[in-house]
């Protein structure tokens, strides 16, 4: 069962409320997505810690409903 981009975005925003989230369906199959997540909550955290925050927000859906996610995280400018 594939996961819709809107659901991915909703889960990330619920887990990281100040995040801006951009999702792209890489293959048009609802199974392979790229996400750019920008949040002030990432400040001072390593890239691995930032990704762990996003995966935590996805509530264990990675590898199940969500097959592949190319994840990019960033801290907003000026933060």
PDB file of N, CA and C in Angstrom:
ATOM      1  N   UNK A   1       0.845  -1.189   0.000  1.00  0.00           N
ATOM      2  CA  UNK A   1       0.000   0.000   0.000  1.00  0.00           C
ATOM      3  C   UNK A   1       0.887   1.248   0.000  1.00  0.00           C
ATOM      4  N   UNK A   2       0.725   2.081  -0.988  1.00  0.00           N
ATOM      5  CA  UNK A   2       1.539   3.290  -1.118  1.00  0.00           C
ATOM      6  C   UNK A   2       1.030   4.388  -0.180  1.00  0.00           C
ATOM      7  N   UNK A   3       1.883   5.342   0.073  1.00  0.00           N
ATOM      8  CA  UNK A   3       1.553   6.465   0.944  1.00  0.00           C
ATOM      9  C   UNK A   3       1.510   7.741   0.115  1.00  0.00           C
ATOM     10  N   UNK A   4       0.498   8.551   0.331  1.00  0.00           N
ATOM     11  CA  UNK A   4       0.377   9.798  -0.422  1.00  0.00           C
ATOM     12  C   UNK A   4       1.299  10.870   0.147  1.00  0.00           C
ATOM     13  N   UNK A   5       1.764  11.738  -0.745  1.00  0.00           N
ATOM     14  CA  UNK A   5       2.661  12.828  -0.338  1.00  0.00           C
ATOM     15  C   UNK A   5       2.026  13.688   0.752  1.00  0.00           C
ATOM     16  N   UNK A   6       0.725  13.935   0.658  1.00  0.00           N
ATOM     17  CA  UNK A   6       0.041  14.772   1.647  1.00  0.00           C
ATOM     18  C   UNK A   6       0.099  14.147   3.039  1.00  0.00           C
ATOM     19  N   UNK A   7       0.067  12.820   3.103  1.00  0.00           N
ATOM     20  CA  UNK A   7       0.135  12.131   4.399  1.00  0.00           C
ATOM     21  C   UNK A   7       1.547  12.256   4.971  1.00  0.00           C
ATOM     22  N   UNK A   8       2.549  12.103   4.121  1.00  0.00           N
ATOM     23  CA  UNK A   8       3.937  12.267   4.567  1.00  0.00           C
ATOM     24  C   UNK A   8       4.134  13.674   5.126  1.00  0.00           C
ATOM     25  N   UNK A   9       3.667  14.662   4.378  1.00  0.00           N
ATOM     26  CA  UNK A   9       3.802  16.059   4.805  1.00  0.00           C
ATOM     27  C   UNK A   9       3.081  16.295   6.132  1.00  0.00           C
ATOM     28  N   UNK A  10       1.881  15.762   6.278  1.00  0.00           N
ATOM     29  CA  UNK A  10       1.090  15.934   7.504  1.00  0.00           C
ATOM     30  C   UNK A  10       1.822  15.332   8.703  1.00  0.00           C
ATOM     31  N   UNK A  11       2.354  14.119   8.561  1.00  0.00           N
ATOM     32  CA  UNK A  11       3.063  13.476   9.663  1.00  0.00           C
ATOM     33  C   UNK A  11       4.294  14.268  10.074  1.00  0.00           C
ATOM     34  N   UNK A  12       5.048  14.752   9.092  1.00  0.00           N
ATOM     35  CA  UNK A  12       6.252  15.534   9.410  1.00  0.00           C
ATOM     36  C   UNK A  12       5.871  16.829  10.112  1.00  0.00           C
ATOM     37  N   UNK A  13       4.834  17.507   9.613  1.00  0.00           N
ATOM     38  CA  UNK A  13       4.412  18.776  10.247  1.00  0.00           C
ATOM     39  C   UNK A  13       3.883  18.553  11.660  1.00  0.00           C
ATOM     40  N   UNK A  14       3.224  17.425  11.897  1.00  0.00           N
ATOM     41  CA  UNK A  14       2.743  17.126  13.248  1.00  0.00           C
ATOM     42  C   UNK A  14       3.912  16.863  14.192  1.00  0.00           C
ATOM     43  N   UNK A  15       4.951  16.179  13.679  1.00  0.00           N
ATOM     44  CA  UNK A  15       6.107  15.852  14.511  1.00  0.00           C
ATOM     45  C   UNK A  15       7.073  17.003  14.693  1.00  0.00           C
ATOM     46  N   UNK A  16       7.131  17.888  13.691  1.00  0.00           N
ATOM     47  CA  UNK A  16       8.035  19.052  13.722  1.00  0.00           C
ATOM     48  C   UNK A  16       7.194  20.266  13.303  1.00  0.00           C
ATOM     49  N   UNK A  17       6.453  20.841  14.252  1.00  0.00           N
ATOM     50  CA  UNK A  17       5.431  21.846  13.904  1.00  0.00           C
ATOM     51  C   UNK A  17       5.891  23.054  13.105  1.00  0.00           C
ATOM     52  N   UNK A  18       7.163  23.491  13.271  1.00  0.00           N
ATOM     53  CA  UNK A  18       7.592  24.694  12.546  1.00  0.00           C
ATOM     54  C   UNK A  18       8.172  24.362  11.165  1.00  0.00           C
ATOM     55  N   UNK A  19       8.166  23.090  10.794  1.00  0.00           N
ATOM     56  CA  UNK A  19       8.825  22.659   9.557  1.00  0.00           C
ATOM     57  C   UNK A  19       8.100  23.134   8.304  1.00  0.00           C
ATOM     58  N   UNK A  20       8.899  23.476   7.297  1.00  0.00           N
ATOM     59  CA  UNK A  20       8.355  23.614   5.949  1.00  0.00           C
ATOM     60  C   UNK A  20       8.766  22.332   5.232  1.00  0.00           C
ATOM     61  N   UNK A  21       7.830  21.766   4.497  1.00  0.00           N
ATOM     62  CA  UNK A  21       8.032  20.461   3.890  1.00  0.00           C
ATOM     63  C   UNK A  21       7.707  20.535   2.401  1.00  0.00           C
ATOM     64  N   UNK A  22       8.649  20.083   1.586  1.00  0.00           N
ATOM     65  CA  UNK A  22       8.414  19.980   0.140  1.00  0.00           C
ATOM     66  C   UNK A  22       8.609  18.518  -0.233  1.00  0.00           C
ATOM     67  N   UNK A  23       7.589  17.924  -0.836  1.00  0.00           N
ATOM     68  CA  UNK A  23       7.623  16.503  -1.208  1.00  0.00           C
ATOM     69  C   UNK A  23       7.529  16.383  -2.727  1.00  0.00           C
ATOM     70  N   UNK A  24       8.358  15.506  -3.291  1.00  0.00           N
ATOM     71  CA  UNK A  24       8.284  15.212  -4.725  1.00  0.00           C
ATOM     72  C   UNK A  24       8.170  13.704  -4.896  1.00  0.00           C
ATOM     73  N   UNK A  25       7.224  13.264  -5.720  1.00  0.00           N
ATOM     74  CA  UNK A  25       7.074  11.849  -6.050  1.00  0.00           C
ATOM     75  C   UNK A  25       8.050  11.564  -7.192  1.00  0.00           C
ATOM     76  N   UNK A  26       9.104  10.833  -6.911  1.00  0.00           N
ATOM     77  CA  UNK A  26      10.200  10.667  -7.859  1.00  0.00           C
ATOM     78  C   UNK A  26       9.836   9.829  -9.083  1.00  0.00           C
ATOM     79  N   UNK A  27       8.969   8.855  -8.890  1.00  0.00           N
ATOM     80  CA  UNK A  27       8.636   7.963 -10.000  1.00  0.00           C
ATOM     81  C   UNK A  27       7.168   8.014 -10.401  1.00  0.00           C
ATOM     82  N   UNK A  28       6.375   8.757  -9.650  1.00  0.00           N
ATOM     83  CA  UNK A  28       4.944   8.808  -9.952  1.00  0.00           C
ATOM     84  C   UNK A  28       4.216   7.554  -9.508  1.00  0.00           C
ATOM     85  N   UNK A  29       4.888   6.750  -8.655  1.00  0.00           N
ATOM     86  CA  UNK A  29       4.280   5.500  -8.216  1.00  0.00           C
ATOM     87  C   UNK A  29       3.787   5.532  -6.766  1.00  0.00           C
ATOM     88  N   UNK A  30       3.928   6.687  -6.097  1.00  0.00           N
ATOM     89  CA  UNK A  30       3.494   6.795  -4.709  1.00  0.00           C
ATOM     90  C   UNK A  30       4.344   5.975  -3.762  1.00  0.00           C
ATOM     91  N   UNK A  31       5.526   5.569  -4.205  1.00  0.00           N
ATOM     92  CA  UNK A  31       6.380   4.700  -3.411  1.00  0.00           C
ATOM     93  C   UNK A  31       7.769   5.271  -3.183  1.00  0.00           C
ATOM     94  N   UNK A  32       8.205   6.166  -4.053  1.00  0.00           N
ATOM     95  CA  UNK A  32       9.563   6.718  -3.989  1.00  0.00           C
ATOM     96  C   UNK A  32       9.480   8.247  -3.974  1.00  0.00           C
ATOM     97  N   UNK A  33       9.780   8.821  -2.823  1.00  0.00           N
ATOM     98  CA  UNK A  33       9.639  10.264  -2.647  1.00  0.00           C
ATOM     99  C   UNK A  33      10.973  10.914  -2.308  1.00  0.00           C
ATOM    100  N   UNK A  34      11.046  12.202  -2.588  1.00  0.00           N
ATOM    101  CA  UNK A  34      12.119  13.048  -2.081  1.00  0.00           C
ATOM    102  C   UNK A  34      11.452  14.095  -1.201  1.00  0.00           C
ATOM    103  N   UNK A  35      12.082  14.414  -0.084  1.00  0.00           N
ATOM    104  CA  UNK A  35      11.524  15.419   0.817  1.00  0.00           C
ATOM    105  C   UNK A  35      12.614  16.397   1.229  1.00  0.00           C
ATOM    106  N   UNK A  36      12.257  17.677   1.209  1.00  0.00           N
ATOM    107  CA  UNK A  36      13.099  18.723   1.761  1.00  0.00           C
ATOM    108  C   UNK A  36      12.372  19.256   2.980  1.00  0.00           C
ATOM    109  N   UNK A  37      12.988  19.099   4.141  1.00  0.00           N
ATOM    110  CA  UNK A  37      12.372  19.530   5.396  1.00  0.00           C
ATOM    111  C   UNK A  37      13.274  20.596   6.008  1.00  0.00           C
ATOM    112  N   UNK A  38      12.701  21.778   6.226  1.00  0.00           N
ATOM    113  CA  UNK A  38      13.443  22.894   6.809  1.00  0.00           C
ATOM    114  C   UNK A  38      12.807  23.248   8.147  1.00  0.00           C
ATOM    115  N   UNK A  39      13.631  23.310   9.200  1.00  0.00           N
ATOM    116  CA  UNK A  39      13.097  23.601  10.523  1.00  0.00           C
ATOM    117  C   UNK A  39      14.160  24.227  11.414  1.00  0.00           C
ATOM    118  N   UNK A  40      13.758  25.212  12.216  1.00  0.00           N
ATOM    119  CA  UNK A  40      14.661  25.804  13.201  1.00  0.00           C
ATOM    120  C   UNK A  40      15.019  24.777  14.271  1.00  0.00           C
ATOM    121  N   UNK A  41      14.187  23.759  14.449  1.00  0.00           N
ATOM    122  CA  UNK A  41      14.447  22.704  15.447  1.00  0.00           C
ATOM    123  C   UNK A  41      15.714  21.914  15.107  1.00  0.00           C
ATOM    124  N   UNK A  42      16.178  21.999  13.860  1.00  0.00           N
ATOM    125  CA  UNK A  42      17.373  21.284  13.435  1.00  0.00           C
ATOM    126  C   UNK A  42      18.660  21.998  13.839  1.00  0.00           C
ATOM    127  N   UNK A  43      18.553  23.258  14.264  1.00  0.00           N
ATOM    128  CA  UNK A  43      19.748  24.042  14.581  1.00  0.00           C
ATOM    129  C   UNK A  43      20.582  23.346  15.657  1.00  0.00           C
ATOM    130  N   UNK A  44      21.875  23.230  15.390  1.00  0.00           N
ATOM    131  CA  UNK A  44      22.785  22.644  16.356  1.00  0.00           C
ATOM    132  C   UNK A  44      22.800  21.127  16.346  1.00  0.00           C
ATOM    133  N   UNK A  45      21.978  20.509  15.509  1.00  0.00           N
ATOM    134  CA  UNK A  45      21.924  19.059  15.428  1.00  0.00           C
ATOM    135  C   UNK A  45      22.695  18.576  14.197  1.00  0.00           C
ATOM    136  N   UNK A  46      23.259  17.391  14.303  1.00  0.00           N
ATOM    137  CA  UNK A  46      23.959  16.812  13.150  1.00  0.00           C
ATOM    138  C   UNK A  46      22.932  16.410  12.097  1.00  0.00           C
ATOM    139  N   UNK A  47      23.412  16.170  10.896  1.00  0.00           N
ATOM    140  CA  UNK A  47      22.531  15.727   9.804  1.00  0.00           C
ATOM    141  C   UNK A  47      21.817  14.429  10.204  1.00  0.00           C
ATOM    142  N   UNK A  48      22.556  13.522  10.845  1.00  0.00           N
ATOM    143  CA  UNK A  48      21.949  12.254  11.285  1.00  0.00           C
ATOM    144  C   UNK A  48      20.831  12.518  12.293  1.00  0.00           C
ATOM    145  N   UNK A  49      21.073  13.399  13.255  1.00  0.00           N
ATOM    146  CA  UNK A  49      20.044  13.733  14.253  1.00  0.00           C
ATOM    147  C   UNK A  49      18.825  14.374  13.593  1.00  0.00           C
ATOM    148  N   UNK A  50      19.070  15.237  12.604  1.00  0.00           N
ATOM    149  CA  UNK A  50      17.964  15.874  11.886  1.00  0.00           C
ATOM    150  C   UNK A  50      17.120  14.812  11.181  1.00  0.00           C
ATOM    151  N   UNK A  51      17.781  13.875  10.505  1.00  0.00           N
ATOM    152  CA  UNK A  51      17.058  12.821   9.791  1.00  0.00           C
ATOM    153  C   UNK A  51      16.300  11.938  10.776  1.00  0.00           C
ATOM    154  N   UNK A  52      16.905  11.658  11.933  1.00  0.00           N
ATOM    155  CA  UNK A  52      16.226  10.855  12.949  1.00  0.00           C
ATOM    156  C   UNK A  52      14.949  11.538  13.426  1.00  0.00           C
ATOM    157  N   UNK A  53      14.969  12.867  13.536  1.00  0.00           N
ATOM    158  CA  UNK A  53      13.772  13.607  13.931  1.00  0.00           C
ATOM    159  C   UNK A  53      12.655  13.425  12.905  1.00  0.00           C
ATOM    160  N   UNK A  54      13.026  13.480  11.620  1.00  0.00           N
ATOM    161  CA  UNK A  54      12.031  13.314  10.559  1.00  0.00           C
ATOM    162  C   UNK A  54      11.494  11.883  10.570  1.00  0.00           C
ATOM    163  N   UNK A  55      12.389  10.901  10.689  1.00  0.00           N
ATOM    164  CA  UNK A  55      11.940   9.506  10.714  1.00  0.00           C
ATOM    165  C   UNK A  55      11.029   9.254  11.920  1.00  0.00           C
ATOM    166  N   UNK A  56      11.341   9.866  13.061  1.00  0.00           N
ATOM    167  CA  UNK A  56      10.493   9.724  14.243  1.00  0.00           C
ATOM    168  C   UNK A  56       9.105  10.293  13.965  1.00  0.00           C
ATOM    169  N   UNK A  57       9.059  11.424  13.254  1.00  0.00           N
ATOM    170  CA  UNK A  57       7.772  12.048  12.914  1.00  0.00           C
ATOM    171  C   UNK A  57       6.951  11.146  11.996  1.00  0.00           C
ATOM    172  N   UNK A  58       7.629  10.323  11.205  1.00  0.00           N
ATOM    173  CA  UNK A  58       6.936   9.426  10.271  1.00  0.00           C
ATOM    174  C   UNK A  58       6.386   8.178  10.974  1.00  0.00           C
ATOM    175  N   UNK A  59       6.592   8.088  12.282  1.00  0.00           N
ATOM    176  CA  UNK A  59       5.951   7.073  13.129  1.00  0.00           C
ATOM    177  C   UNK A  59       6.131   5.645  12.620  1.00  0.00           C
ATOM    178  N   UNK A  60       7.349   5.310  12.240  1.00  0.00           N
ATOM    179  CA  UNK A  60       7.630   3.934  11.857  1.00  0.00           C
ATOM    180  C   UNK A  60       7.118   3.511  10.486  1.00  0.00           C
ATOM    181  N   UNK A  61       6.663   4.462   9.680  1.00  0.00           N
ATOM    182  CA  UNK A  61       6.118   4.112   8.366  1.00  0.00           C
ATOM    183  C   UNK A  61       7.201   3.854   7.314  1.00  0.00           C
ATOM    184  N   UNK A  62       8.451   4.274   7.588  1.00  0.00           N
ATOM    185  CA  UNK A  62       9.540   4.022   6.637  1.00  0.00           C
ATOM    186  C   UNK A  62       9.744   2.522   6.489  1.00  0.00           C
ATOM    187  N   UNK A  63       9.887   2.077   5.252  1.00  0.00           N
ATOM    188  CA  UNK A  63      10.123   0.669   4.989  1.00  0.00           C
ATOM    189  C   UNK A  63       8.846  -0.144   4.887  1.00  0.00           C
ATOM    190  N   UNK A  64       7.744   0.417   5.365  1.00  0.00           N
ATOM    191  CA  UNK A  64       6.455  -0.257   5.263  1.00  0.00           C
ATOM    192  C   UNK A  64       5.626   0.427   4.197  1.00  0.00           C
ATOM    193  N   UNK A  65       4.713   1.298   4.649  1.00  0.00           N
ATOM    194  CA  UNK A  65       3.883   2.048   3.709  1.00  0.00           C
ATOM    195  C   UNK A  65       4.719   2.983   2.848  1.00  0.00           C
ATOM    196  N   UNK A  66       5.791   3.487   3.425  1.00  0.00           N
ATOM    197  CA  UNK A  66       6.674   4.415   2.715  1.00  0.00           C
ATOM    198  C   UNK A  66       7.950   3.668   2.372  1.00  0.00           C
ATOM    199  N   UNK A  67       8.084   3.313   1.104  1.00  0.00           N
ATOM    200  CA  UNK A  67       9.185   2.448   0.684  1.00  0.00           C
ATOM    201  C   UNK A  67      10.526   3.182   0.650  1.00  0.00           C
ATOM    202  N   UNK A  68      10.573   4.324  -0.012  1.00  0.00           N
ATOM    203  CA  UNK A  68      11.846   5.030  -0.170  1.00  0.00           C
ATOM    204  C   UNK A  68      11.638   6.536  -0.046  1.00  0.00           C
ATOM    205  N   UNK A  69      12.487   7.164   0.761  1.00  0.00           N
ATOM    206  CA  UNK A  69      12.423   8.607   0.945  1.00  0.00           C
ATOM    207  C   UNK A  69      13.835   9.177   0.867  1.00  0.00           C
ATOM    208  N   UNK A  70      14.096   9.964  -0.173  1.00  0.00           N
ATOM    209  CA  UNK A  70      15.373  10.675  -0.291  1.00  0.00           C
ATOM    210  C   UNK A  70      15.198  11.956   0.525  1.00  0.00           C
ATOM    211  N   UNK A  71      15.843  12.018   1.670  1.00  0.00           N
ATOM    212  CA  UNK A  71      15.594  13.082   2.632  1.00  0.00           C
ATOM    213  C   UNK A  71      16.716  14.115   2.635  1.00  0.00           C
ATOM    214  N   UNK A  72      16.320  15.377   2.563  1.00  0.00           N
ATOM    215  CA  UNK A  72      17.244  16.495   2.723  1.00  0.00           C
ATOM    216  C   UNK A  72      16.695  17.364   3.850  1.00  0.00           C
ATOM    217  N   UNK A  73      17.538  17.731   4.797  1.00  0.00           N
ATOM    218  CA  UNK A  73      17.105  18.591   5.890  1.00  0.00           C
ATOM    219  C   UNK A  73      17.939  19.867   5.885  1.00  0.00           C
ATOM    220  N   UNK A  74      17.355  20.938   6.408  1.00  0.00           N
ATOM    221  CA  UNK A  74      18.049  22.217   6.427  1.00  0.00           C
ATOM    222  C   UNK A  74      17.517  23.072   7.581  1.00  0.00           C
ATOM    223  N   UNK A  75      18.355  24.018   8.006  1.00  0.00           N
ATOM    224  CA  UNK A  75      17.965  25.023   8.997  1.00  0.00           C
ATOM    225  C   UNK A  75      17.652  26.290   8.216  1.00  0.00           C
ATOM    226  N   UNK A  76      16.547  26.975   8.528  1.00  0.00           N
ATOM    227  CA  UNK A  76      16.234  28.210   7.793  1.00  0.00           C
ATOM    228  C   UNK A  76      17.351  29.244   7.950  1.00  0.00           C
ATOM    229  N   UNK A  77      17.541  30.050   6.927  1.00  0.00           N
ATOM    230  CA  UNK A  77      18.552  31.099   6.991  1.00  0.00           C
ATOM    231  C   UNK A  77      18.193  32.092   8.087  1.00  0.00           C
ATOM    232  N   UNK A  78      19.198  32.597   8.780  1.00  0.00           N
ATOM    233  CA  UNK A  78      18.962  33.604   9.806  1.00  0.00           C
ATOM    234  C   UNK A  78      18.591  33.011  11.156  1.00  0.00           C
ATOM    235  N   UNK A  79      18.641  31.680  11.289  1.00  0.00           N
ATOM    236  CA  UNK A  79      18.293  31.054  12.564  1.00  0.00           C
ATOM    237  C   UNK A  79      19.552  30.648  13.286  1.00  0.00           C
TER     238      UNK A  79
END
